[in-house]
């Protein structure tokens, strides 16, 4: 349990830094060039390229997961205000699924359901949809099966995006 909490704390601290730096950007799907200096520059460039694609294609076409998103959020127009590269720390606990909490600058309404999209870097990026719950303004919690979590750790870097209505 201590290791599990340590993983959550590490993720929260990392995203708090990102959130503090990103607060100045007002537009959805922000450019994140200078936000995450610890991540390889090529990952930042890739993230910015993916943000451009998202802005051009729209949420459903970009992620290709319209049915999964609709199952979580219902039919309608979707927006993506968050997309960041993130390094998942190793997790050696036994909890399956792993409970992940990430703070975001967008003030999502407490209790709202969002679609958390986790993309493993590759050509193309492979997106997996998770049901997220806003547990405090901007703090999103989701459960990630241990096998998926380990795959994200093995990939070293992934993109994390939040889709909402």
C-alpha atoms as a PDB file:
ATOM      1  CA  UNK A   1       0.000   0.000   0.000  1.00  0.00           C
ATOM      2  CA  UNK A   2       2.895   2.387   0.761  1.00  0.00           C
ATOM      3  CA  UNK A   3       4.392   1.833  -2.683  1.00  0.00           C
ATOM      4  CA  UNK A   4       0.994   2.418  -4.273  1.00  0.00           C
ATOM      5  CA  UNK A   5       0.635   5.706  -2.424  1.00  0.00           C
ATOM      6  CA  UNK A   6       4.198   6.656  -3.369  1.00  0.00           C
ATOM      7  CA  UNK A   7       3.358   6.104  -7.050  1.00  0.00           C
ATOM      8  CA  UNK A   8       0.265   8.272  -6.726  1.00  0.00           C
ATOM      9  CA  UNK A   9       2.225  10.971  -4.928  1.00  0.00           C
ATOM     10  CA  UNK A  10       4.934  10.955  -7.603  1.00  0.00           C
ATOM     11  CA  UNK A  11       2.327  11.264 -10.355  1.00  0.00           C
ATOM     12  CA  UNK A  12       0.515  14.023  -8.497  1.00  0.00           C
ATOM     13  CA  UNK A  13       3.722  15.988  -7.934  1.00  0.00           C
ATOM     14  CA  UNK A  14       4.756  15.636 -11.559  1.00  0.00           C
ATOM     15  CA  UNK A  15       1.369  16.782 -12.823  1.00  0.00           C
ATOM     16  CA  UNK A  16       1.232  19.612 -10.261  1.00  0.00           C
ATOM     17  CA  UNK A  17       4.384  21.058 -11.787  1.00  0.00           C
ATOM     18  CA  UNK A  18       2.932  20.631 -15.265  1.00  0.00           C
ATOM     19  CA  UNK A  19      -0.369  22.146 -14.162  1.00  0.00           C
ATOM     20  CA  UNK A  20       1.279  25.176 -12.584  1.00  0.00           C
ATOM     21  CA  UNK A  21       3.272  25.840 -15.721  1.00  0.00           C
ATOM     22  CA  UNK A  22       0.300  25.245 -18.021  1.00  0.00           C
ATOM     23  CA  UNK A  23      -2.141  27.563 -16.234  1.00  0.00           C
ATOM     24  CA  UNK A  24      -1.007  30.494 -18.341  1.00  0.00           C
ATOM     25  CA  UNK A  25      -2.179  28.862 -21.578  1.00  0.00           C
ATOM     26  CA  UNK A  26      -5.860  29.573 -22.153  1.00  0.00           C
ATOM     27  CA  UNK A  27      -6.556  27.674 -25.370  1.00  0.00           C
ATOM     28  CA  UNK A  28      -7.638  24.030 -25.456  1.00  0.00           C
ATOM     29  CA  UNK A  29      -5.013  21.489 -26.541  1.00  0.00           C
ATOM     30  CA  UNK A  30      -2.155  23.673 -25.386  1.00  0.00           C
ATOM     31  CA  UNK A  31       1.352  23.652 -26.803  1.00  0.00           C
ATOM     32  CA  UNK A  32       3.630  22.164 -24.161  1.00  0.00           C
ATOM     33  CA  UNK A  33       7.140  22.928 -25.483  1.00  0.00           C
ATOM     34  CA  UNK A  34       8.537  24.382 -22.263  1.00  0.00           C
ATOM     35  CA  UNK A  35       6.290  22.652 -19.746  1.00  0.00           C
ATOM     36  CA  UNK A  36       8.090  19.379 -19.154  1.00  0.00           C
ATOM     37  CA  UNK A  37      11.869  19.796 -19.284  1.00  0.00           C
ATOM     38  CA  UNK A  38      12.582  16.288 -17.946  1.00  0.00           C
ATOM     39  CA  UNK A  39      11.034  14.561 -20.959  1.00  0.00           C
ATOM     40  CA  UNK A  40      13.100  14.001 -24.092  1.00  0.00           C
ATOM     41  CA  UNK A  41      12.651  16.883 -26.543  1.00  0.00           C
ATOM     42  CA  UNK A  42      11.501  14.466 -29.270  1.00  0.00           C
ATOM     43  CA  UNK A  43       8.568  13.416 -27.051  1.00  0.00           C
ATOM     44  CA  UNK A  44       7.579  17.067 -26.622  1.00  0.00           C
ATOM     45  CA  UNK A  45       7.785  17.604 -30.384  1.00  0.00           C
ATOM     46  CA  UNK A  46       5.679  14.502 -30.966  1.00  0.00           C
ATOM     47  CA  UNK A  47       3.109  15.720 -28.431  1.00  0.00           C
ATOM     48  CA  UNK A  48       2.864  19.075 -30.177  1.00  0.00           C
ATOM     49  CA  UNK A  49       2.441  17.332 -33.532  1.00  0.00           C
ATOM     50  CA  UNK A  50      -0.341  15.200 -32.042  1.00  0.00           C
ATOM     51  CA  UNK A  51      -2.031  18.295 -30.586  1.00  0.00           C
ATOM     52  CA  UNK A  52      -1.983  19.846 -34.068  1.00  0.00           C
ATOM     53  CA  UNK A  53      -3.552  16.665 -35.523  1.00  0.00           C
ATOM     54  CA  UNK A  54      -6.204  16.664 -32.798  1.00  0.00           C
ATOM     55  CA  UNK A  55      -7.064  20.299 -33.520  1.00  0.00           C
ATOM     56  CA  UNK A  56      -7.362  19.548 -37.247  1.00  0.00           C
ATOM     57  CA  UNK A  57      -9.239  16.240 -37.074  1.00  0.00           C
ATOM     58  CA  UNK A  58     -11.462  16.693 -34.031  1.00  0.00           C
ATOM     59  CA  UNK A  59     -11.758  14.440 -30.992  1.00  0.00           C
ATOM     60  CA  UNK A  60     -13.644  11.457 -32.453  1.00  0.00           C
ATOM     61  CA  UNK A  61     -11.651  11.206 -35.679  1.00  0.00           C
ATOM     62  CA  UNK A  62      -8.309  11.765 -33.970  1.00  0.00           C
ATOM     63  CA  UNK A  63      -8.646   9.184 -31.208  1.00  0.00           C
ATOM     64  CA  UNK A  64     -10.712   6.742 -33.293  1.00  0.00           C
ATOM     65  CA  UNK A  65     -12.552   5.743 -30.121  1.00  0.00           C
ATOM     66  CA  UNK A  66     -15.910   7.450 -30.674  1.00  0.00           C
ATOM     67  CA  UNK A  67     -17.959   4.491 -29.428  1.00  0.00           C
ATOM     68  CA  UNK A  68     -15.883   4.142 -26.261  1.00  0.00           C
ATOM     69  CA  UNK A  69     -16.026   7.878 -25.551  1.00  0.00           C
ATOM     70  CA  UNK A  70     -19.784   7.947 -26.194  1.00  0.00           C
ATOM     71  CA  UNK A  71     -20.266   4.990 -23.830  1.00  0.00           C
ATOM     72  CA  UNK A  72     -18.668   7.045 -21.057  1.00  0.00           C
ATOM     73  CA  UNK A  73     -19.881  10.555 -21.841  1.00  0.00           C
ATOM     74  CA  UNK A  74     -23.010  10.046 -23.927  1.00  0.00           C
ATOM     75  CA  UNK A  75     -23.534  11.364 -27.446  1.00  0.00           C
ATOM     76  CA  UNK A  76     -22.656  14.942 -28.264  1.00  0.00           C
ATOM     77  CA  UNK A  77     -19.756  17.271 -28.897  1.00  0.00           C
ATOM     78  CA  UNK A  78     -16.495  16.394 -27.177  1.00  0.00           C
ATOM     79  CA  UNK A  79     -13.529  18.576 -26.278  1.00  0.00           C
ATOM     80  CA  UNK A  80      -9.969  17.799 -25.290  1.00  0.00           C
ATOM     81  CA  UNK A  81      -8.370  20.509 -23.166  1.00  0.00           C
ATOM     82  CA  UNK A  82      -5.456  18.384 -21.946  1.00  0.00           C
ATOM     83  CA  UNK A  83      -2.745  16.401 -23.713  1.00  0.00           C
ATOM     84  CA  UNK A  84       0.685  15.907 -22.174  1.00  0.00           C
ATOM     85  CA  UNK A  85       3.584  13.470 -22.376  1.00  0.00           C
ATOM     86  CA  UNK A  86       3.927  11.650 -19.080  1.00  0.00           C
ATOM     87  CA  UNK A  87       6.420   9.150 -17.701  1.00  0.00           C
ATOM     88  CA  UNK A  88       4.761   6.499 -15.555  1.00  0.00           C
ATOM     89  CA  UNK A  89       6.969   5.466 -12.615  1.00  0.00           C
ATOM     90  CA  UNK A  90       7.490   1.780 -11.940  1.00  0.00           C
ATOM     91  CA  UNK A  91       4.864   0.240  -9.679  1.00  0.00           C
ATOM     92  CA  UNK A  92       5.710  -2.867  -7.683  1.00  0.00           C
ATOM     93  CA  UNK A  93       2.514  -3.139  -5.673  1.00  0.00           C
ATOM     94  CA  UNK A  94      -0.092  -5.821  -6.006  1.00  0.00           C
ATOM     95  CA  UNK A  95      -3.157  -3.639  -6.543  1.00  0.00           C
ATOM     96  CA  UNK A  96      -4.859  -4.409  -9.825  1.00  0.00           C
ATOM     97  CA  UNK A  97      -6.109  -2.130 -11.209  1.00  0.00           C
ATOM     98  CA  UNK A  98      -3.734   0.699 -10.321  1.00  0.00           C
ATOM     99  CA  UNK A  99      -5.549   3.812  -9.115  1.00  0.00           C
ATOM    100  CA  UNK A 100      -4.061   6.856 -10.848  1.00  0.00           C
ATOM    101  CA  UNK A 101      -4.800  10.467  -9.856  1.00  0.00           C
ATOM    102  CA  UNK A 102      -3.636  13.339 -12.062  1.00  0.00           C
ATOM    103  CA  UNK A 103      -4.228  17.075 -11.576  1.00  0.00           C
ATOM    104  CA  UNK A 104      -5.008  19.166 -14.648  1.00  0.00           C
ATOM    105  CA  UNK A 105      -5.321  22.939 -15.083  1.00  0.00           C
ATOM    106  CA  UNK A 106      -8.815  22.658 -16.569  1.00  0.00           C
ATOM    107  CA  UNK A 107     -11.309  23.077 -13.700  1.00  0.00           C
ATOM    108  CA  UNK A 108     -13.400  19.986 -14.421  1.00  0.00           C
ATOM    109  CA  UNK A 109     -16.518  19.837 -12.269  1.00  0.00           C
ATOM    110  CA  UNK A 110     -16.221  17.600  -9.214  1.00  0.00           C
ATOM    111  CA  UNK A 111     -18.084  14.339  -9.741  1.00  0.00           C
ATOM    112  CA  UNK A 112     -18.016  14.622 -13.554  1.00  0.00           C
ATOM    113  CA  UNK A 113     -17.081  11.660 -15.711  1.00  0.00           C
ATOM    114  CA  UNK A 114     -14.348  12.192 -18.288  1.00  0.00           C
ATOM    115  CA  UNK A 115     -12.609   9.933 -20.781  1.00  0.00           C
ATOM    116  CA  UNK A 116      -8.926   9.585 -19.959  1.00  0.00           C
ATOM    117  CA  UNK A 117      -7.010   8.667 -23.091  1.00  0.00           C
ATOM    118  CA  UNK A 118      -3.599   7.032 -22.630  1.00  0.00           C
ATOM    119  CA  UNK A 119      -1.524   6.775 -25.794  1.00  0.00           C
ATOM    120  CA  UNK A 120       1.554   4.598 -26.087  1.00  0.00           C
ATOM    121  CA  UNK A 121       4.115   6.216 -28.377  1.00  0.00           C
ATOM    122  CA  UNK A 122       4.497   4.481 -31.705  1.00  0.00           C
ATOM    123  CA  UNK A 123       3.430   4.823 -35.314  1.00  0.00           C
ATOM    124  CA  UNK A 124       0.565   5.291 -34.935  1.00  0.00           C
ATOM    125  CA  UNK A 125       0.036   6.126 -31.269  1.00  0.00           C
ATOM    126  CA  UNK A 126      -2.108   3.413 -29.678  1.00  0.00           C
ATOM    127  CA  UNK A 127      -4.875   4.988 -27.561  1.00  0.00           C
ATOM    128  CA  UNK A 128      -6.696   3.253 -24.717  1.00  0.00           C
ATOM    129  CA  UNK A 129      -9.802   4.768 -23.134  1.00  0.00           C
ATOM    130  CA  UNK A 130     -10.342   4.772 -19.361  1.00  0.00           C
ATOM    131  CA  UNK A 131     -13.256   6.122 -17.366  1.00  0.00           C
ATOM    132  CA  UNK A 132     -12.093   8.993 -15.229  1.00  0.00           C
ATOM    133  CA  UNK A 133     -13.887  10.691 -12.356  1.00  0.00           C
ATOM    134  CA  UNK A 134     -13.188  14.224 -11.212  1.00  0.00           C
ATOM    135  CA  UNK A 135     -12.641  13.898  -7.453  1.00  0.00           C
ATOM    136  CA  UNK A 136     -11.814  17.579  -6.918  1.00  0.00           C
ATOM    137  CA  UNK A 137     -11.715  20.564  -9.242  1.00  0.00           C
ATOM    138  CA  UNK A 138      -9.221  19.544 -11.923  1.00  0.00           C
ATOM    139  CA  UNK A 139      -8.122  16.328 -10.156  1.00  0.00           C
ATOM    140  CA  UNK A 140      -8.968  13.286 -12.261  1.00  0.00           C
ATOM    141  CA  UNK A 141      -8.865   9.713 -10.960  1.00  0.00           C
ATOM    142  CA  UNK A 142      -8.988   6.571 -13.073  1.00  0.00           C
ATOM    143  CA  UNK A 143      -8.237   2.890 -12.711  1.00  0.00           C
ATOM    144  CA  UNK A 144      -5.684   1.392 -15.059  1.00  0.00           C
ATOM    145  CA  UNK A 145      -5.323  -2.392 -15.256  1.00  0.00           C
ATOM    146  CA  UNK A 146      -1.907  -3.454 -14.015  1.00  0.00           C
ATOM    147  CA  UNK A 147      -1.031  -4.989 -17.407  1.00  0.00           C
ATOM    148  CA  UNK A 148      -1.809  -1.656 -19.133  1.00  0.00           C
ATOM    149  CA  UNK A 149       0.128   0.243 -16.481  1.00  0.00           C
ATOM    150  CA  UNK A 150       3.155  -2.015 -16.950  1.00  0.00           C
ATOM    151  CA  UNK A 151       2.915  -1.509 -20.717  1.00  0.00           C
ATOM    152  CA  UNK A 152       2.968   2.277 -20.177  1.00  0.00           C
ATOM    153  CA  UNK A 153       6.029   1.937 -17.919  1.00  0.00           C
ATOM    154  CA  UNK A 154       7.772  -0.254 -20.506  1.00  0.00           C
ATOM    155  CA  UNK A 155       7.017   2.311 -23.220  1.00  0.00           C
ATOM    156  CA  UNK A 156       8.794   4.858 -21.001  1.00  0.00           C
ATOM    157  CA  UNK A 157       6.663   7.757 -22.221  1.00  0.00           C
ATOM    158  CA  UNK A 158       3.019   8.060 -23.120  1.00  0.00           C
ATOM    159  CA  UNK A 159       0.580  10.817 -23.942  1.00  0.00           C
ATOM    160  CA  UNK A 160      -2.258  11.410 -21.502  1.00  0.00           C
ATOM    161  CA  UNK A 161      -5.323  13.303 -22.719  1.00  0.00           C
ATOM    162  CA  UNK A 162      -8.683  14.114 -21.133  1.00  0.00           C
ATOM    163  CA  UNK A 163     -11.867  14.202 -23.205  1.00  0.00           C
ATOM    164  CA  UNK A 164     -15.011  15.809 -21.820  1.00  0.00           C
ATOM    165  CA  UNK A 165     -18.230  17.412 -23.017  1.00  0.00           C
END
